[in-house]
């Protein structure tokens, strides 16, 4: 998928939030997830000496900490060409195998949508 206009507006919003977080914090990745109530959670890469978390894992953790029971969708903005299995597993644990994970480049252009499963 390369045409952002083909995405649902709520999914475009996730990419926009993830991209803004990445740029604002100057981190390699930005991510956003939407829970079952429509609330969104955003995060960037965590790279401390004693703690390393991808942006998507951090966003999922923030959703859990915020009381989310499930996820509707997730997005990650990165230079990487694929969503790592560990990140998909985190989304799958909360949202289920069919939860869509949108992958977009630093400019916000989506490159693919994969399922968490």
C-alpha atoms as a PDB file:
ATOM      1  CA  UNK A   1       0.000   0.000   0.000  1.00  0.00           C
ATOM      2  CA  UNK A   2       1.444   3.374  -0.959  1.00  0.00           C
ATOM      3  CA  UNK A   3      -1.595   5.688  -1.118  1.00  0.00           C
ATOM      4  CA  UNK A   4      -2.404   7.150   2.290  1.00  0.00           C
ATOM      5  CA  UNK A   5      -5.749   8.413   0.971  1.00  0.00           C
ATOM      6  CA  UNK A   6      -6.863   4.773   0.686  1.00  0.00           C
ATOM      7  CA  UNK A   7      -6.605   4.392   4.466  1.00  0.00           C
ATOM      8  CA  UNK A   8      -9.427   4.963   6.896  1.00  0.00           C
ATOM      9  CA  UNK A   9      -9.152   8.479   8.436  1.00  0.00           C
ATOM     10  CA  UNK A  10      -8.621   6.972  11.895  1.00  0.00           C
ATOM     11  CA  UNK A  11      -5.711   4.898  10.570  1.00  0.00           C
ATOM     12  CA  UNK A  12      -4.226   7.988   8.882  1.00  0.00           C
ATOM     13  CA  UNK A  13      -4.478   9.694  12.260  1.00  0.00           C
ATOM     14  CA  UNK A  14      -2.377   6.922  13.844  1.00  0.00           C
ATOM     15  CA  UNK A  15       0.351   7.435  11.235  1.00  0.00           C
ATOM     16  CA  UNK A  16       0.242  11.215  11.733  1.00  0.00           C
ATOM     17  CA  UNK A  17       0.564  10.841  15.515  1.00  0.00           C
ATOM     18  CA  UNK A  18       3.409   8.334  15.190  1.00  0.00           C
ATOM     19  CA  UNK A  19       5.250  10.535  12.711  1.00  0.00           C
ATOM     20  CA  UNK A  20       4.865  13.620  14.920  1.00  0.00           C
ATOM     21  CA  UNK A  21       6.147  11.757  17.970  1.00  0.00           C
ATOM     22  CA  UNK A  22       9.176  10.477  16.031  1.00  0.00           C
ATOM     23  CA  UNK A  23      10.023  13.974  14.784  1.00  0.00           C
ATOM     24  CA  UNK A  24       9.329  15.793  18.053  1.00  0.00           C
ATOM     25  CA  UNK A  25      11.454  13.429  20.134  1.00  0.00           C
ATOM     26  CA  UNK A  26      14.176  12.846  17.548  1.00  0.00           C
ATOM     27  CA  UNK A  27      13.925   9.066  17.911  1.00  0.00           C
ATOM     28  CA  UNK A  28      14.314   6.325  15.284  1.00  0.00           C
ATOM     29  CA  UNK A  29      10.677   5.211  15.535  1.00  0.00           C
ATOM     30  CA  UNK A  30       7.317   6.641  16.453  1.00  0.00           C
ATOM     31  CA  UNK A  31       4.239   4.516  17.070  1.00  0.00           C
ATOM     32  CA  UNK A  32       0.574   4.903  17.891  1.00  0.00           C
ATOM     33  CA  UNK A  33      -2.133   2.428  18.833  1.00  0.00           C
ATOM     34  CA  UNK A  34      -5.921   2.781  19.070  1.00  0.00           C
ATOM     35  CA  UNK A  35      -7.821   0.856  21.722  1.00  0.00           C
ATOM     36  CA  UNK A  36     -11.329  -0.585  21.665  1.00  0.00           C
ATOM     37  CA  UNK A  37     -12.842   2.716  22.842  1.00  0.00           C
ATOM     38  CA  UNK A  38     -11.058   4.820  20.222  1.00  0.00           C
ATOM     39  CA  UNK A  39      -8.447   6.238  22.584  1.00  0.00           C
ATOM     40  CA  UNK A  40      -4.967   6.589  21.128  1.00  0.00           C
ATOM     41  CA  UNK A  41      -1.605   6.102  22.766  1.00  0.00           C
ATOM     42  CA  UNK A  42       1.631   7.341  21.211  1.00  0.00           C
ATOM     43  CA  UNK A  43       5.259   6.616  21.979  1.00  0.00           C
ATOM     44  CA  UNK A  44       8.764   6.849  20.630  1.00  0.00           C
ATOM     45  CA  UNK A  45      11.723   4.545  20.891  1.00  0.00           C
ATOM     46  CA  UNK A  46      13.111   4.197  24.434  1.00  0.00           C
ATOM     47  CA  UNK A  47      16.900   3.882  24.401  1.00  0.00           C
ATOM     48  CA  UNK A  48      18.331   4.117  27.895  1.00  0.00           C
ATOM     49  CA  UNK A  49      21.435   2.339  29.105  1.00  0.00           C
ATOM     50  CA  UNK A  50      19.313  -0.016  31.187  1.00  0.00           C
ATOM     51  CA  UNK A  51      16.109  -0.123  29.108  1.00  0.00           C
ATOM     52  CA  UNK A  52      15.518  -0.535  25.382  1.00  0.00           C
ATOM     53  CA  UNK A  53      12.003  -0.642  23.944  1.00  0.00           C
ATOM     54  CA  UNK A  54      10.737  -0.166  20.431  1.00  0.00           C
ATOM     55  CA  UNK A  55       8.205   2.581  19.884  1.00  0.00           C
ATOM     56  CA  UNK A  56       5.441   0.053  19.182  1.00  0.00           C
ATOM     57  CA  UNK A  57       6.161  -1.996  22.319  1.00  0.00           C
ATOM     58  CA  UNK A  58       6.133   1.229  24.341  1.00  0.00           C
ATOM     59  CA  UNK A  59       2.804   2.334  22.832  1.00  0.00           C
ATOM     60  CA  UNK A  60       1.253  -1.052  23.635  1.00  0.00           C
ATOM     61  CA  UNK A  61       2.585  -0.820  27.206  1.00  0.00           C
ATOM     62  CA  UNK A  62       1.090   2.656  27.542  1.00  0.00           C
ATOM     63  CA  UNK A  63      -2.267   1.339  26.342  1.00  0.00           C
ATOM     64  CA  UNK A  64      -2.173  -1.472  28.896  1.00  0.00           C
ATOM     65  CA  UNK A  65      -1.185   0.986  31.638  1.00  0.00           C
ATOM     66  CA  UNK A  66      -4.081   3.203  30.559  1.00  0.00           C
ATOM     67  CA  UNK A  67      -6.611   0.399  30.973  1.00  0.00           C
ATOM     68  CA  UNK A  68      -7.073  -0.718  27.362  1.00  0.00           C
ATOM     69  CA  UNK A  69      -8.653  -4.144  27.022  1.00  0.00           C
ATOM     70  CA  UNK A  70      -8.002  -4.549  23.287  1.00  0.00           C
ATOM     71  CA  UNK A  71      -6.525  -2.794  20.256  1.00  0.00           C
ATOM     72  CA  UNK A  72      -8.234  -1.887  16.996  1.00  0.00           C
ATOM     73  CA  UNK A  73      -5.079  -0.887  15.083  1.00  0.00           C
ATOM     74  CA  UNK A  74      -1.436   0.082  15.398  1.00  0.00           C
ATOM     75  CA  UNK A  75       1.001   2.124  13.327  1.00  0.00           C
ATOM     76  CA  UNK A  76       4.748   2.537  13.337  1.00  0.00           C
ATOM     77  CA  UNK A  77       6.782   5.163  11.481  1.00  0.00           C
ATOM     78  CA  UNK A  78      10.341   4.063  10.879  1.00  0.00           C
ATOM     79  CA  UNK A  79      13.071   3.644   8.314  1.00  0.00           C
ATOM     80  CA  UNK A  80      12.852  -0.140   8.771  1.00  0.00           C
ATOM     81  CA  UNK A  81      11.381  -2.187   5.953  1.00  0.00           C
ATOM     82  CA  UNK A  82       9.344  -4.531   8.175  1.00  0.00           C
ATOM     83  CA  UNK A  83       7.631  -4.673  11.550  1.00  0.00           C
ATOM     84  CA  UNK A  84       9.678  -6.962  13.818  1.00  0.00           C
ATOM     85  CA  UNK A  85       7.977 -10.102  15.103  1.00  0.00           C
ATOM     86  CA  UNK A  86       8.428  -8.970  18.723  1.00  0.00           C
ATOM     87  CA  UNK A  87       6.442  -5.799  18.005  1.00  0.00           C
ATOM     88  CA  UNK A  88       3.721  -7.722  16.181  1.00  0.00           C
ATOM     89  CA  UNK A  89       3.573 -10.117  19.154  1.00  0.00           C
ATOM     90  CA  UNK A  90       2.994  -7.222  21.579  1.00  0.00           C
ATOM     91  CA  UNK A  91       0.106  -5.972  19.418  1.00  0.00           C
ATOM     92  CA  UNK A  92      -1.238  -9.533  19.091  1.00  0.00           C
ATOM     93  CA  UNK A  93      -1.158 -10.060  22.871  1.00  0.00           C
ATOM     94  CA  UNK A  94      -3.521  -7.145  23.425  1.00  0.00           C
ATOM     95  CA  UNK A  95      -5.434  -6.896  20.162  1.00  0.00           C
ATOM     96  CA  UNK A  96      -5.476 -10.383  18.718  1.00  0.00           C
ATOM     97  CA  UNK A  97      -3.948 -11.919  15.604  1.00  0.00           C
ATOM     98  CA  UNK A  98      -6.097  -9.931  13.180  1.00  0.00           C
ATOM     99  CA  UNK A  99      -5.157  -6.493  14.465  1.00  0.00           C
ATOM    100  CA  UNK A 100      -3.765  -4.442  11.576  1.00  0.00           C
ATOM    101  CA  UNK A 101      -0.284  -2.961  11.963  1.00  0.00           C
ATOM    102  CA  UNK A 102       0.488  -0.143   9.548  1.00  0.00           C
ATOM    103  CA  UNK A 103       4.107   0.451   8.559  1.00  0.00           C
ATOM    104  CA  UNK A 104       5.058   3.877   7.235  1.00  0.00           C
ATOM    105  CA  UNK A 105       8.287   5.573   6.277  1.00  0.00           C
ATOM    106  CA  UNK A 106       9.607   8.735   7.928  1.00  0.00           C
ATOM    107  CA  UNK A 107       7.584  10.893   5.516  1.00  0.00           C
ATOM    108  CA  UNK A 108       4.371   9.186   6.675  1.00  0.00           C
ATOM    109  CA  UNK A 109       3.813   7.250   3.470  1.00  0.00           C
ATOM    110  CA  UNK A 110       2.463   3.798   4.319  1.00  0.00           C
ATOM    111  CA  UNK A 111       4.395   0.924   2.807  1.00  0.00           C
ATOM    112  CA  UNK A 112       2.337  -2.002   4.063  1.00  0.00           C
ATOM    113  CA  UNK A 113      -0.336  -3.210   6.417  1.00  0.00           C
ATOM    114  CA  UNK A 114       0.327  -6.521   8.134  1.00  0.00           C
ATOM    115  CA  UNK A 115      -1.682  -8.405  10.698  1.00  0.00           C
ATOM    116  CA  UNK A 116      -0.354  -8.819  14.209  1.00  0.00           C
ATOM    117  CA  UNK A 117      -0.752 -12.583  13.787  1.00  0.00           C
END
